[in-house]
Amino acid sequence: MTRQVPAAEADQLRAELRAFLNSRPDLSPITITHCTTLSDAAGRNFLSGHLPGGRQVVTEFRRVLDLARAGEILAPGVHLDALVITDAPAIRPIRRGQFYQTETVRRVAEVLDYCADNAAIGVIIADFGFGKTEALRHWRERTTTASLIFEFDEFTSANKVDFVHQLAAMLDIPAAPGSQAGGKVFRALADALRERPCLLIFDQCETVRTRVLQVIRQLHDRTHDAGVGVVLLSAPTLLARMTISRAVDLGALTSRVGVWAPLSGLSRSEMAAIVRREGITDIDDAAFDFWARAVNGSMRRLMRSLDLLRAKHAGKRIGTNAIAGVAAHLWALAIPEEA
């Protein structure tokens, strides 16, 4: 059966969550649940006390509550106020941790909405650091669509039995332990999803073994007519495997994909707008060109470099040497000769 936590621990967490929600009328239980990786049904039933609370459920809600209390997520107003990137000057104060509504964010939301509305399979492809995971979390905070996020690790990506057990835990479905119970858990998952359909979102799919992807495809085959959609988020490796590989199992999945979304990351104009809004306006053209090439579309690289520039060069004109120092420090990149 699903590993349960002591009743006192689960009740204490519920009480803390209710107190937090009472102090924040701008939030709802569904908003809190969408900051976890859990399904809406599992979150709703835990918060209402209808489920005792498996270890996965309690761990996820504790993580989100601690982050919210610390102000790292769900700050008042911020979760509903992504900043749209334009070339216009900033018209509001800069907030630490501002979420930027880039083309990547918009495209991720389009795919998620399409797959949820049409019970389709979608594949979102972007290199590491381009912001697909953060875009996904932002979409989930704002939507009322029932969904869950499954983030693969080295174990679930290679073992189909471990995968179905972990997915069942996220849906708070009781599952018999042991490697021989995979088929029973798979069928229980299909039955539960047919009763409570949602969008299944799988992140970090680039290293997922073929047999695990086959299970995802078969689960969708059994549930899509009830309204279950699937979205796979991955680095470009998966796109090559699915479109070039001759593997039979991947061919079955590839033929069912309803929408492909290869993303190119931050554009130069988006990067320029973000840099201005983050307070850096005095920078050489050559320095910015080198910076843009070093960032190479990655939101993660951009924000880390912004933090370092603010720490080391606040209030100073930023030239190529400053950017070269950042590139060498963060990414071990040498300044190009043409710069």
Protein backbone atom coordinates (compact mmCIF):
# COMPACT_ATOMS: atom_id res chain seq x y z
CA MET A 1 0.00 0.00 0.00
CA THR A 2 0.99 3.65 -0.32
CA ARG A 3 3.37 4.60 2.48
CA GLN A 4 1.45 6.83 4.90
CA VAL A 5 2.81 9.38 7.36
CA PRO A 6 1.58 9.43 10.96
CA ALA A 7 -1.90 10.95 11.22
CA ALA A 8 -0.67 13.64 13.62
CA GLU A 9 1.92 14.84 11.11
CA ALA A 10 -0.62 15.01 8.28
CA ASP A 11 -3.17 16.81 10.48
CA GLN A 12 -0.55 19.32 11.58
CA LEU A 13 0.35 20.09 7.99
CA ARG A 14 -3.32 20.53 7.04
CA ALA A 15 -3.77 22.96 9.93
CA GLU A 16 -0.73 24.97 8.84
CA LEU A 17 -1.94 25.06 5.24
CA ARG A 18 -5.40 26.25 6.28
CA ALA A 19 -3.93 28.95 8.51
CA PHE A 20 -1.69 30.12 5.67
CA LEU A 21 -4.62 30.22 3.23
CA ASN A 22 -6.72 32.17 5.76
CA SER A 23 -3.94 34.75 5.94
CA ARG A 24 -3.77 34.98 2.15
CA PRO A 25 -7.27 35.56 0.68
CA ASP A 26 -5.66 36.01 -2.75
CA LEU A 27 -4.77 32.30 -2.78
CA SER A 28 -6.93 29.20 -2.98
CA PRO A 29 -6.30 25.50 -2.31
CA ILE A 30 -6.00 24.89 -6.05
CA THR A 31 -3.29 27.59 -6.27
CA ILE A 32 -1.28 25.83 -3.59
CA THR A 33 -1.78 22.43 -5.24
CA HIS A 34 -0.62 23.77 -8.61
CA CYS A 35 2.72 24.71 -7.02
CA THR A 36 3.25 21.05 -6.18
CA THR A 37 3.69 18.28 -8.70
CA LEU A 38 0.53 16.54 -7.48
CA SER A 39 -2.75 16.05 -9.27
CA ASP A 40 -5.64 18.34 -8.37
CA ALA A 41 -7.65 15.40 -7.04
CA ALA A 42 -4.87 14.26 -4.70
CA GLY A 43 -4.32 17.79 -3.41
CA ARG A 44 -8.01 18.53 -2.93
CA ASN A 45 -8.67 15.26 -1.11
CA PHE A 46 -5.67 15.69 1.18
CA LEU A 47 -6.56 19.27 2.12
CA SER A 48 -10.17 18.30 2.81
CA GLY A 49 -9.07 15.38 4.99
CA HIS A 50 -10.58 12.72 2.74
CA LEU A 51 -7.16 11.13 2.21
CA PRO A 52 -4.76 10.28 5.06
CA GLY A 53 -1.74 11.54 3.10
CA GLY A 54 0.98 9.48 1.52
CA ARG A 55 4.64 10.41 1.96
CA GLN A 56 4.79 11.94 -1.52
CA VAL A 57 1.74 14.14 -0.87
CA VAL A 58 2.92 15.38 2.52
CA THR A 59 6.45 16.05 1.29
CA GLU A 60 5.21 18.10 -1.66
CA PHE A 61 2.82 20.26 0.40
CA ARG A 62 5.45 20.82 3.10
CA ARG A 63 7.95 21.97 0.46
CA VAL A 64 5.50 24.43 -1.09
CA LEU A 65 4.32 25.79 2.25
CA ASP A 66 7.90 26.44 3.42
CA LEU A 67 8.74 28.19 0.15
CA ALA A 68 5.60 30.33 0.31
CA ARG A 69 6.25 31.34 3.91
CA ALA A 70 9.79 32.34 2.96
CA GLY A 71 8.44 34.51 0.13
CA GLU A 72 10.24 32.54 -2.57
CA ILE A 73 6.97 31.67 -4.32
CA LEU A 74 3.42 33.05 -4.32
CA ALA A 75 4.37 36.51 -3.13
CA PRO A 76 1.24 38.69 -3.05
CA GLY A 77 0.30 39.60 -6.62
CA VAL A 78 3.43 38.22 -8.27
CA HIS A 79 2.00 34.82 -9.15
CA LEU A 80 -0.68 36.51 -11.24
CA ASP A 81 1.57 39.17 -12.73
CA ALA A 82 4.15 37.90 -15.19
CA LEU A 83 5.91 40.77 -16.87
CA VAL A 84 5.35 40.83 -20.62
CA ILE A 85 8.54 41.57 -22.50
CA THR A 86 8.37 44.51 -24.88
CA ASP A 87 10.77 47.18 -26.05
CA ALA A 88 8.97 49.80 -23.97
CA PRO A 89 10.80 51.31 -20.98
CA ALA A 90 10.07 49.93 -17.53
CA ILE A 91 6.93 51.43 -16.01
CA ARG A 92 7.05 49.73 -12.63
CA PRO A 93 9.69 49.12 -9.95
CA ILE A 94 11.94 46.12 -10.43
CA ARG A 95 10.98 43.20 -8.20
CA ARG A 96 13.46 40.56 -7.25
CA GLY A 97 12.50 37.26 -8.83
CA GLN A 98 10.24 38.80 -11.49
CA PHE A 99 8.85 36.25 -13.92
CA TYR A 100 9.17 37.34 -17.55
CA GLN A 101 6.53 36.48 -20.14
CA THR A 102 8.77 35.55 -23.06
CA GLU A 103 7.88 33.81 -26.31
CA THR A 104 9.06 30.54 -24.72
CA VAL A 105 6.56 31.01 -21.89
CA ARG A 106 3.74 31.76 -24.31
CA ARG A 107 4.52 28.79 -26.54
CA VAL A 108 4.72 26.37 -23.59
CA ALA A 109 1.30 27.60 -22.41
CA GLU A 110 -0.17 27.13 -25.90
CA VAL A 111 0.99 23.50 -26.05
CA LEU A 112 -0.25 22.73 -22.55
CA ASP A 113 -3.66 24.27 -23.28
CA TYR A 114 -3.95 22.42 -26.60
CA CYS A 115 -3.09 19.02 -25.09
CA ALA A 116 -5.45 19.57 -22.16
CA ASP A 117 -8.33 20.65 -24.40
CA ASN A 118 -7.81 17.91 -26.99
CA ALA A 119 -6.49 15.05 -24.85
CA ALA A 120 -3.47 15.04 -27.17
CA ILE A 121 0.22 14.24 -26.81
CA GLY A 122 2.58 17.20 -27.09
CA VAL A 123 6.37 17.39 -27.09
CA ILE A 124 8.16 20.55 -25.95
CA ILE A 125 11.84 20.65 -26.87
CA ALA A 126 14.32 23.20 -25.55
CA ASP A 127 17.92 23.12 -24.44
CA PHE A 128 18.89 23.14 -20.78
CA GLY A 129 18.23 26.46 -19.04
CA PHE A 130 15.85 27.86 -21.64
CA GLY A 131 13.09 28.16 -19.05
CA LYS A 132 10.64 25.43 -20.04
CA THR A 133 10.27 24.11 -16.48
CA GLU A 134 9.64 27.58 -15.04
CA ALA A 135 7.18 28.30 -17.85
CA LEU A 136 5.36 25.11 -16.93
CA ARG A 137 5.16 26.06 -13.27
CA HIS A 138 3.92 29.53 -14.14
CA TRP A 139 1.17 28.07 -16.35
CA ARG A 140 0.12 25.69 -13.60
CA GLU A 141 -0.17 28.50 -11.05
CA ARG A 142 -2.55 30.40 -13.31
CA THR A 143 -4.72 27.66 -14.79
CA THR A 144 -7.73 25.78 -13.46
CA THR A 145 -6.89 22.79 -15.68
CA ALA A 146 -6.41 19.59 -13.69
CA SER A 147 -2.81 18.46 -14.11
CA LEU A 148 0.22 16.92 -12.46
CA ILE A 149 3.96 17.24 -13.09
CA PHE A 150 6.16 14.16 -13.04
CA GLU A 151 9.88 14.95 -13.01
CA PHE A 152 12.00 11.99 -14.05
CA ASP A 153 15.13 11.00 -12.17
CA GLU A 154 17.78 8.36 -12.85
CA PHE A 155 15.61 5.64 -11.34
CA THR A 156 12.14 6.36 -12.71
CA SER A 157 13.58 7.11 -16.16
CA ALA A 158 15.06 3.62 -16.39
CA ASN A 159 12.61 1.40 -14.49
CA LYS A 160 9.01 1.13 -15.67
CA VAL A 161 7.82 -0.45 -12.41
CA ASP A 162 9.40 2.29 -10.31
CA PHE A 163 7.82 4.82 -12.69
CA VAL A 164 4.25 3.54 -12.34
CA HIS A 165 4.62 3.25 -8.56
CA GLN A 166 5.79 6.87 -8.27
CA LEU A 167 3.04 8.10 -10.57
CA ALA A 168 0.46 6.22 -8.49
CA ALA A 169 1.84 7.84 -5.33
CA MET A 170 1.39 11.30 -6.86
CA LEU A 171 -2.25 10.45 -7.55
CA ASP A 172 -2.52 8.96 -4.05
CA ILE A 173 -3.54 5.60 -5.50
CA PRO A 174 -2.86 2.61 -3.18
CA ALA A 175 -0.33 0.34 -4.86
CA ALA A 176 0.95 -3.08 -3.93
CA PRO A 177 4.75 -3.07 -3.47
CA GLY A 178 7.20 -5.21 -5.39
CA SER A 179 8.53 -5.56 -8.90
CA GLN A 180 5.81 -8.06 -9.83
CA ALA A 181 3.02 -5.58 -9.18
CA GLY A 182 3.78 -3.21 -12.07
CA GLY A 183 0.92 -4.45 -14.23
CA LYS A 184 -1.62 -4.11 -11.43
CA VAL A 185 -0.45 -0.58 -10.67
CA PHE A 186 -0.59 0.35 -14.37
CA ARG A 187 -4.20 -0.82 -14.62
CA ALA A 188 -5.11 0.98 -11.40
CA LEU A 189 -3.58 4.15 -12.84
CA ALA A 190 -5.60 3.83 -16.04
CA ASP A 191 -8.82 3.27 -14.09
CA ALA A 192 -8.17 6.23 -11.80
CA LEU A 193 -7.34 8.56 -14.68
CA ARG A 194 -10.47 7.56 -16.54
CA GLU A 195 -12.49 8.50 -13.47
CA ARG A 196 -10.54 11.72 -12.79
CA PRO A 197 -8.87 12.80 -16.06
CA CYS A 198 -6.08 15.35 -15.99
CA LEU A 199 -3.13 16.55 -18.06
CA LEU A 200 -0.05 14.41 -17.41
CA ILE A 201 3.10 16.52 -17.73
CA PHE A 202 6.46 14.73 -17.80
CA ASP A 203 9.60 16.81 -17.32
CA GLN A 204 13.26 15.93 -18.03
CA CYS A 205 12.39 13.27 -20.59
CA GLU A 206 15.72 13.39 -22.45
CA THR A 207 17.14 10.33 -20.66
CA VAL A 208 13.93 8.30 -20.33
CA ARG A 209 14.32 4.73 -21.56
CA THR A 210 12.23 3.49 -24.43
CA ARG A 211 10.28 1.03 -22.27
CA VAL A 212 9.16 3.85 -19.94
CA LEU A 213 8.06 6.01 -22.87
CA GLN A 214 6.15 2.98 -24.11
CA VAL A 215 4.26 2.83 -20.80
CA ILE A 216 3.34 6.52 -21.14
CA ARG A 217 2.04 5.89 -24.65
CA GLN A 218 0.00 2.88 -23.53
CA LEU A 219 -1.42 4.82 -20.59
CA HIS A 220 -2.53 7.57 -22.96
CA ASP A 221 -4.04 5.00 -25.34
CA ARG A 222 -6.23 3.72 -22.50
CA THR A 223 -7.30 7.11 -21.14
CA HIS A 224 -7.32 9.75 -23.90
CA ASP A 225 -10.96 9.15 -24.74
CA ALA A 226 -11.75 10.10 -21.12
CA GLY A 227 -9.88 13.41 -21.55
CA VAL A 228 -6.31 12.63 -20.48
CA GLY A 229 -3.61 14.55 -22.35
CA VAL A 230 0.16 14.12 -22.16
CA VAL A 231 3.01 16.63 -22.53
CA LEU A 232 6.69 15.64 -22.65
CA LEU A 233 9.33 18.28 -21.85
CA SER A 234 12.85 17.49 -22.93
CA ALA A 235 16.21 18.65 -24.19
CA PRO A 236 16.76 18.21 -27.97
CA THR A 237 18.02 14.65 -27.49
CA LEU A 238 14.48 13.30 -27.33
CA LEU A 239 13.46 15.01 -30.57
CA ALA A 240 16.33 13.28 -32.37
CA ARG A 241 15.44 9.93 -30.84
CA MET A 242 11.78 10.21 -31.80
CA THR A 243 12.23 11.52 -35.34
CA ILE A 244 15.44 9.79 -36.41
CA SER A 245 15.59 6.61 -34.35
CA ARG A 246 14.33 3.39 -35.90
CA ALA A 247 13.20 2.03 -32.52
CA VAL A 248 9.77 0.47 -32.97
CA ASP A 249 8.49 1.55 -29.55
CA LEU A 250 9.40 5.18 -30.16
CA GLY A 251 7.75 5.01 -33.55
CA ALA A 252 4.45 4.10 -31.89
CA LEU A 253 4.72 7.11 -29.60
CA THR A 254 5.92 9.47 -32.33
CA SER A 255 2.97 8.63 -34.57
CA ARG A 256 0.58 9.76 -31.82
CA VAL A 257 2.15 13.19 -31.16
CA GLY A 258 -0.38 15.91 -31.89
CA VAL A 259 1.85 18.97 -31.50
CA TRP A 260 5.61 19.54 -31.60
CA ALA A 261 7.17 22.64 -30.06
CA PRO A 262 10.94 23.03 -30.58
CA LEU A 263 11.88 26.25 -28.75
CA SER A 264 14.79 28.55 -29.55
CA GLY A 265 15.02 30.29 -26.19
CA LEU A 266 15.47 33.99 -25.53
CA SER A 267 15.66 36.22 -28.56
CA ARG A 268 18.11 39.10 -28.66
CA SER A 269 15.29 41.65 -28.27
CA GLU A 270 13.84 39.78 -25.27
CA MET A 271 17.24 39.65 -23.64
CA ALA A 272 17.74 43.38 -24.21
CA ALA A 273 14.35 44.16 -22.66
CA ILE A 274 15.07 41.99 -19.61
CA VAL A 275 18.50 43.54 -19.12
CA ARG A 276 16.96 47.04 -19.17
CA ARG A 277 14.23 46.07 -16.71
CA GLU A 278 16.81 44.55 -14.40
CA GLY A 279 18.48 47.96 -14.22
CA ILE A 280 21.46 47.57 -16.56
CA THR A 281 21.31 50.33 -19.16
CA ASP A 282 24.92 51.48 -19.58
CA ILE A 283 26.60 48.77 -21.66
CA ASP A 284 28.79 48.81 -24.79
CA ASP A 285 27.26 47.42 -27.98
CA ALA A 286 30.19 45.05 -28.44
CA ALA A 287 29.85 43.89 -24.84
CA PHE A 288 26.15 43.19 -25.31
CA ASP A 289 26.83 41.26 -28.53
CA PHE A 290 29.32 39.02 -26.73
CA TRP A 291 26.94 38.62 -23.81
CA ALA A 292 24.07 37.56 -26.10
CA ARG A 293 26.28 34.97 -27.80
CA ALA A 294 27.42 33.61 -24.44
CA VAL A 295 23.86 33.39 -23.09
CA ASN A 296 22.76 31.61 -26.30
CA GLY A 297 19.04 31.80 -25.53
CA SER A 298 19.31 30.49 -21.96
CA MET A 299 17.24 32.28 -19.33
CA ARG A 300 19.25 30.54 -16.61
CA ARG A 301 22.54 31.84 -17.99
CA LEU A 302 21.14 35.33 -18.36
CA MET A 303 19.84 35.58 -14.79
CA ARG A 304 23.03 34.18 -13.28
CA SER A 305 25.13 36.61 -15.26
CA LEU A 306 22.86 39.49 -14.22
CA ASP A 307 23.35 38.59 -10.56
CA LEU A 308 27.13 38.59 -10.97
CA LEU A 309 27.17 41.87 -12.91
CA ARG A 310 25.07 43.60 -10.27
CA ALA A 311 27.37 42.32 -7.54
CA LYS A 312 30.62 43.33 -9.25
CA HIS A 313 29.76 46.25 -11.55
CA ALA A 314 26.76 48.04 -10.03
CA GLY A 315 26.62 51.66 -11.19
CA LYS A 316 29.51 51.27 -13.66
CA ARG A 317 29.56 51.24 -17.44
CA ILE A 318 29.80 47.65 -18.58
CA GLY A 319 32.30 46.87 -21.29
CA THR A 320 33.54 43.78 -23.04
CA ASN A 321 36.09 42.99 -20.34
CA ALA A 322 33.38 42.87 -17.68
CA ILE A 323 31.26 40.49 -19.77
CA ALA A 324 34.35 38.40 -20.55
CA GLY A 325 35.05 38.10 -16.84
CA VAL A 326 31.49 36.92 -16.20
CA ALA A 327 31.67 34.43 -19.08
CA ALA A 328 34.97 33.02 -17.83
CA HIS A 329 33.73 32.79 -14.25
CA LEU A 330 30.33 31.19 -14.96
CA TRP A 331 30.86 29.20 -18.15
CA ALA A 332 34.63 28.99 -18.73
CA LEU A 333 34.23 30.91 -22.01
CA ALA A 334 37.10 32.95 -23.44
CA ILE A 335 36.50 36.36 -25.01
CA PRO A 336 36.28 35.98 -28.82
CA GLU A 337 38.93 37.76 -30.90
CA GLU A 338 36.34 39.73 -32.89
CA ALA A 339 35.00 41.23 -29.69
